[in-house]
Amino acid sequence: MLEALLGTKNRELTLQYLLVFKEGYAREIAKYFDVSLPSIQNQLKHFEENGLALSKMSGRTKIYFFNPRYAFLPELTTLLDKARLYYKPELKEKLDMQRKRPRRVGKPL
């Protein structure tokens, strides 16, 4: 949806992931959307270099999240939320689900 504005589909998916899940690491994001790992790593590196994202180390894993001081963060999150309304139902459901793993069998809701 925002590919023309952001440049690549993976850039948009990475931003959507960070918005929905609040944080994530490259391999997790690549696996979630079934896209190449180097592409997601490049997007995250680009976001961090330009101040949109910050990172922290958790063991040997670099966790990325939005920079709360980024000047256009409220506008960006509004734009991403609006774009999500026009996604294909499969992608919309995947992002609305907000679960990284399935619920245990028999676990009450």
N, C-alpha and C. Protein backbone atom coordinates (compact mmCIF):
# COMPACT_ATOMS: atom_id res chain seq x y z
N MET A 1 0.83 -1.19 0.00
CA MET A 1 0.00 0.00 0.00
C MET A 1 0.88 1.26 0.00
N LEU A 2 1.86 1.33 0.86
CA LEU A 2 2.73 2.51 0.96
C LEU A 2 4.06 2.32 0.24
N GLU A 3 4.14 1.30 -0.59
CA GLU A 3 5.39 0.98 -1.28
C GLU A 3 5.91 2.16 -2.12
N ALA A 4 5.00 2.87 -2.77
CA ALA A 4 5.41 4.02 -3.59
C ALA A 4 6.02 5.12 -2.72
N LEU A 5 5.53 5.26 -1.53
CA LEU A 5 6.01 6.31 -0.62
C LEU A 5 7.28 5.89 0.11
N LEU A 6 7.33 4.65 0.57
CA LEU A 6 8.45 4.19 1.40
C LEU A 6 9.59 3.57 0.59
N GLY A 7 9.32 3.15 -0.63
CA GLY A 7 10.37 2.59 -1.48
C GLY A 7 10.29 1.09 -1.68
N THR A 8 10.09 0.33 -0.62
CA THR A 8 10.01 -1.13 -0.76
C THR A 8 8.89 -1.69 0.12
N LYS A 9 8.41 -2.85 -0.30
CA LYS A 9 7.37 -3.54 0.46
C LYS A 9 7.92 -4.00 1.82
N ASN A 10 9.17 -4.47 1.83
CA ASN A 10 9.76 -4.95 3.09
C ASN A 10 9.92 -3.82 4.10
N ARG A 11 10.16 -2.63 3.63
CA ARG A 11 10.28 -1.48 4.54
C ARG A 11 8.92 -1.25 5.22
N GLU A 12 7.87 -1.32 4.44
CA GLU A 12 6.52 -1.14 5.00
C GLU A 12 6.18 -2.25 5.98
N LEU A 13 6.48 -3.50 5.62
CA LEU A 13 6.19 -4.62 6.51
C LEU A 13 6.96 -4.52 7.82
N THR A 14 8.20 -4.09 7.73
CA THR A 14 9.03 -3.93 8.94
C THR A 14 8.43 -2.87 9.86
N LEU A 15 8.01 -1.76 9.29
CA LEU A 15 7.38 -0.70 10.09
C LEU A 15 6.08 -1.20 10.72
N GLN A 16 5.29 -1.92 9.95
CA GLN A 16 4.03 -2.45 10.48
C GLN A 16 4.31 -3.40 11.64
N TYR A 17 5.32 -4.24 11.49
CA TYR A 17 5.65 -5.19 12.56
C TYR A 17 6.04 -4.46 13.83
N LEU A 18 6.91 -3.46 13.70
CA LEU A 18 7.33 -2.70 14.88
C LEU A 18 6.16 -1.96 15.51
N LEU A 19 5.23 -1.50 14.71
CA LEU A 19 4.06 -0.80 15.24
C LEU A 19 3.16 -1.77 16.02
N VAL A 20 2.90 -2.91 15.44
CA VAL A 20 1.98 -3.87 16.05
C VAL A 20 2.59 -4.56 17.29
N PHE A 21 3.83 -5.01 17.17
CA PHE A 21 4.44 -5.79 18.25
C PHE A 21 5.34 -4.97 19.18
N LYS A 22 5.50 -3.68 18.89
CA LYS A 22 6.29 -2.74 19.71
C LYS A 22 7.80 -2.94 19.60
N GLU A 23 8.27 -4.14 19.31
CA GLU A 23 9.70 -4.41 19.14
C GLU A 23 9.87 -5.72 18.39
N GLY A 24 11.07 -5.92 17.87
CA GLY A 24 11.35 -7.16 17.17
C GLY A 24 12.78 -7.21 16.70
N TYR A 25 13.22 -8.38 16.28
CA TYR A 25 14.57 -8.53 15.74
C TYR A 25 14.47 -9.05 14.32
N ALA A 26 15.54 -8.90 13.57
CA ALA A 26 15.50 -9.12 12.13
C ALA A 26 15.01 -10.52 11.74
N ARG A 27 15.56 -11.55 12.33
CA ARG A 27 15.17 -12.92 11.95
C ARG A 27 13.69 -13.18 12.26
N GLU A 28 13.22 -12.66 13.37
CA GLU A 28 11.82 -12.82 13.76
C GLU A 28 10.90 -12.16 12.73
N ILE A 29 11.22 -10.96 12.31
CA ILE A 29 10.40 -10.22 11.34
C ILE A 29 10.43 -10.92 9.99
N ALA A 30 11.62 -11.34 9.55
CA ALA A 30 11.74 -12.03 8.27
C ALA A 30 10.94 -13.32 8.25
N LYS A 31 11.00 -14.07 9.33
CA LYS A 31 10.25 -15.33 9.42
C LYS A 31 8.75 -15.07 9.47
N TYR A 32 8.34 -14.04 10.18
CA TYR A 32 6.92 -13.73 10.33
C TYR A 32 6.27 -13.43 8.98
N PHE A 33 6.99 -12.69 8.12
CA PHE A 33 6.44 -12.32 6.81
C PHE A 33 6.97 -13.20 5.68
N ASP A 34 7.82 -14.18 5.99
CA ASP A 34 8.39 -15.08 5.01
C ASP A 34 9.12 -14.30 3.90
N VAL A 35 10.02 -13.41 4.31
CA VAL A 35 10.84 -12.63 3.39
C VAL A 35 12.31 -12.84 3.73
N SER A 36 13.20 -12.35 2.87
CA SER A 36 14.63 -12.60 3.08
C SER A 36 15.16 -11.82 4.28
N LEU A 37 16.03 -12.46 5.03
CA LEU A 37 16.63 -11.87 6.22
C LEU A 37 17.50 -10.66 5.90
N PRO A 38 18.38 -10.71 4.89
CA PRO A 38 19.21 -9.53 4.61
C PRO A 38 18.40 -8.27 4.29
N SER A 39 17.29 -8.44 3.63
CA SER A 39 16.44 -7.29 3.31
C SER A 39 15.90 -6.63 4.58
N ILE A 40 15.44 -7.42 5.52
CA ILE A 40 14.92 -6.89 6.78
C ILE A 40 16.05 -6.27 7.60
N GLN A 41 17.22 -6.91 7.60
CA GLN A 41 18.37 -6.34 8.31
C GLN A 41 18.74 -4.97 7.75
N ASN A 42 18.70 -4.84 6.43
CA ASN A 42 19.00 -3.56 5.80
C ASN A 42 17.99 -2.49 6.18
N GLN A 43 16.72 -2.86 6.23
CA GLN A 43 15.68 -1.90 6.59
C GLN A 43 15.86 -1.43 8.03
N LEU A 44 16.11 -2.36 8.94
CA LEU A 44 16.29 -2.00 10.34
C LEU A 44 17.52 -1.12 10.54
N LYS A 45 18.59 -1.45 9.83
CA LYS A 45 19.81 -0.64 9.91
C LYS A 45 19.52 0.77 9.40
N HIS A 46 18.79 0.87 8.29
CA HIS A 46 18.42 2.18 7.72
C HIS A 46 17.58 2.99 8.72
N PHE A 47 16.61 2.35 9.35
CA PHE A 47 15.75 3.04 10.32
C PHE A 47 16.58 3.54 11.51
N GLU A 48 17.50 2.73 11.98
CA GLU A 48 18.31 3.13 13.13
C GLU A 48 19.27 4.26 12.76
N GLU A 49 19.88 4.19 11.59
CA GLU A 49 20.81 5.24 11.16
C GLU A 49 20.12 6.59 11.00
N ASN A 50 18.83 6.57 10.66
CA ASN A 50 18.10 7.81 10.42
C ASN A 50 17.23 8.24 11.60
N GLY A 51 17.37 7.58 12.74
CA GLY A 51 16.71 8.02 13.96
C GLY A 51 15.28 7.55 14.16
N LEU A 52 14.75 6.78 13.23
CA LEU A 52 13.38 6.29 13.36
C LEU A 52 13.28 5.16 14.39
N ALA A 53 14.33 4.36 14.46
CA ALA A 53 14.32 3.21 15.38
C ALA A 53 15.54 3.27 16.29
N LEU A 54 15.40 2.62 17.42
CA LEU A 54 16.50 2.43 18.37
C LEU A 54 16.68 0.93 18.54
N SER A 55 17.79 0.54 19.11
CA SER A 55 18.00 -0.88 19.36
C SER A 55 18.61 -1.09 20.74
N LYS A 56 18.45 -2.30 21.23
CA LYS A 56 19.06 -2.71 22.49
C LYS A 56 19.50 -4.15 22.31
N MET A 57 20.51 -4.53 23.03
CA MET A 57 21.01 -5.90 22.94
C MET A 57 20.33 -6.75 24.02
N SER A 58 19.90 -7.92 23.61
CA SER A 58 19.35 -8.90 24.53
C SER A 58 20.15 -10.17 24.29
N GLY A 59 21.19 -10.35 25.07
CA GLY A 59 22.15 -11.43 24.80
C GLY A 59 22.92 -11.07 23.55
N ARG A 60 22.83 -11.92 22.52
CA ARG A 60 23.49 -11.63 21.25
C ARG A 60 22.52 -11.12 20.20
N THR A 61 21.28 -10.87 20.60
CA THR A 61 20.24 -10.46 19.67
C THR A 61 19.99 -8.97 19.78
N LYS A 62 19.93 -8.30 18.66
CA LYS A 62 19.68 -6.87 18.62
C LYS A 62 18.18 -6.65 18.41
N ILE A 63 17.52 -6.09 19.42
CA ILE A 63 16.08 -5.84 19.39
C ILE A 63 15.84 -4.40 18.96
N TYR A 64 14.97 -4.21 17.98
CA TYR A 64 14.66 -2.87 17.47
C TYR A 64 13.28 -2.44 17.92
N PHE A 65 13.12 -1.12 18.11
CA PHE A 65 11.82 -0.55 18.46
C PHE A 65 11.81 0.90 18.00
N PHE A 66 10.60 1.48 17.90
CA PHE A 66 10.49 2.86 17.45
C PHE A 66 11.14 3.81 18.44
N ASN A 67 11.78 4.85 17.94
CA ASN A 67 12.37 5.90 18.76
C ASN A 67 11.23 6.83 19.19
N PRO A 68 10.91 6.88 20.48
CA PRO A 68 9.79 7.73 20.93
C PRO A 68 10.04 9.22 20.69
N ARG A 69 11.29 9.60 20.47
CA ARG A 69 11.61 11.02 20.23
C ARG A 69 11.64 11.37 18.74
N TYR A 70 11.35 10.41 17.87
CA TYR A 70 11.34 10.69 16.44
C TYR A 70 10.25 11.73 16.15
N ALA A 71 10.61 12.79 15.45
CA ALA A 71 9.73 13.95 15.26
C ALA A 71 8.40 13.60 14.59
N PHE A 72 8.40 12.65 13.66
CA PHE A 72 7.18 12.35 12.91
C PHE A 72 6.55 11.03 13.31
N LEU A 73 6.86 10.52 14.48
CA LEU A 73 6.33 9.23 14.91
C LEU A 73 4.80 9.21 14.98
N PRO A 74 4.14 10.22 15.56
CA PRO A 74 2.67 10.17 15.59
C PRO A 74 2.05 10.15 14.19
N GLU A 75 2.61 10.93 13.29
CA GLU A 75 2.09 10.97 11.92
C GLU A 75 2.35 9.64 11.20
N LEU A 76 3.53 9.05 11.44
CA LEU A 76 3.86 7.78 10.81
C LEU A 76 2.95 6.66 11.31
N THR A 77 2.70 6.61 12.61
CA THR A 77 1.82 5.56 13.14
C THR A 77 0.39 5.72 12.63
N THR A 78 -0.06 6.96 12.48
CA THR A 78 -1.39 7.19 11.93
C THR A 78 -1.46 6.71 10.49
N LEU A 79 -0.43 7.01 9.71
CA LEU A 79 -0.37 6.59 8.31
C LEU A 79 -0.34 5.07 8.20
N LEU A 80 0.45 4.41 9.03
CA LEU A 80 0.53 2.95 9.00
C LEU A 80 -0.78 2.31 9.42
N ASP A 81 -1.44 2.88 10.43
CA ASP A 81 -2.75 2.37 10.85
C ASP A 81 -3.77 2.48 9.72
N LYS A 82 -3.76 3.61 9.04
CA LYS A 82 -4.71 3.81 7.94
C LYS A 82 -4.40 2.87 6.77
N ALA A 83 -3.13 2.67 6.47
CA ALA A 83 -2.74 1.77 5.38
C ALA A 83 -3.19 0.34 5.67
N ARG A 84 -3.14 -0.06 6.94
CA ARG A 84 -3.54 -1.42 7.32
C ARG A 84 -5.00 -1.70 6.98
N LEU A 85 -5.83 -0.67 6.96
CA LEU A 85 -7.24 -0.86 6.61
C LEU A 85 -7.42 -1.35 5.18
N TYR A 86 -6.45 -1.08 4.31
CA TYR A 86 -6.58 -1.42 2.89
C TYR A 86 -5.75 -2.63 2.48
N TYR A 87 -5.17 -3.33 3.43
CA TYR A 87 -4.40 -4.53 3.12
C TYR A 87 -5.33 -5.67 2.74
N LYS A 88 -4.73 -6.68 2.10
CA LYS A 88 -5.47 -7.90 1.80
C LYS A 88 -5.89 -8.53 3.12
N PRO A 89 -7.03 -9.21 3.14
CA PRO A 89 -7.53 -9.79 4.40
C PRO A 89 -6.53 -10.69 5.12
N GLU A 90 -5.73 -11.46 4.38
CA GLU A 90 -4.78 -12.37 5.02
C GLU A 90 -3.72 -11.59 5.81
N LEU A 91 -3.19 -10.54 5.18
CA LEU A 91 -2.15 -9.74 5.84
C LEU A 91 -2.75 -8.95 7.00
N LYS A 92 -3.94 -8.43 6.79
CA LYS A 92 -4.61 -7.67 7.85
C LYS A 92 -4.85 -8.55 9.07
N GLU A 93 -5.31 -9.77 8.83
CA GLU A 93 -5.57 -10.71 9.94
C GLU A 93 -4.27 -11.07 10.66
N LYS A 94 -3.21 -11.24 9.89
CA LYS A 94 -1.92 -11.59 10.49
C LYS A 94 -1.42 -10.48 11.40
N LEU A 95 -1.60 -9.23 10.99
CA LEU A 95 -1.15 -8.10 11.80
C LEU A 95 -2.11 -7.81 12.96
N ASP A 96 -3.39 -8.04 12.77
CA ASP A 96 -4.36 -7.80 13.84
C ASP A 96 -4.29 -8.86 14.92
N MET A 97 -3.80 -10.04 14.57
CA MET A 97 -3.75 -11.16 15.49
C MET A 97 -2.87 -10.84 16.70
N GLN A 98 -1.73 -10.24 16.49
CA GLN A 98 -0.80 -9.84 17.54
C GLN A 98 -0.34 -10.97 18.44
N ARG A 99 -0.25 -12.17 17.88
CA ARG A 99 0.31 -13.30 18.62
C ARG A 99 1.46 -13.87 17.81
N LYS A 100 2.56 -14.15 18.45
CA LYS A 100 3.72 -14.68 17.74
C LYS A 100 3.72 -16.20 17.70
N ARG A 101 2.97 -16.81 18.57
CA ARG A 101 2.91 -18.27 18.58
C ARG A 101 1.47 -18.70 18.90
N PRO A 102 1.11 -19.92 18.55
CA PRO A 102 -0.26 -20.36 18.77
C PRO A 102 -0.59 -20.55 20.25
N ARG A 103 -1.86 -20.45 20.56
CA ARG A 103 -2.34 -20.68 21.92
C ARG A 103 -2.25 -22.17 22.25
N ARG A 104 -1.91 -22.48 23.49
CA ARG A 104 -1.81 -23.86 23.93
C ARG A 104 -3.17 -24.54 23.77
N VAL A 105 -3.18 -25.76 23.30
CA VAL A 105 -4.41 -26.53 23.12
C VAL A 105 -5.12 -26.67 24.46
N GLY A 106 -6.40 -26.35 24.49
CA GLY A 106 -7.20 -26.49 25.69
C GLY A 106 -7.12 -25.32 26.66
N LYS A 107 -6.32 -24.33 26.35
CA LYS A 107 -6.19 -23.18 27.25
C LYS A 107 -7.44 -22.31 27.13
N PRO A 108 -8.08 -21.96 28.26
CA PRO A 108 -9.29 -21.15 28.19
C PRO A 108 -8.98 -19.72 27.74
N LEU A 109 -9.96 -19.11 27.08
CA LEU A 109 -9.77 -17.75 26.59
C LEU A 109 -9.85 -16.75 27.67
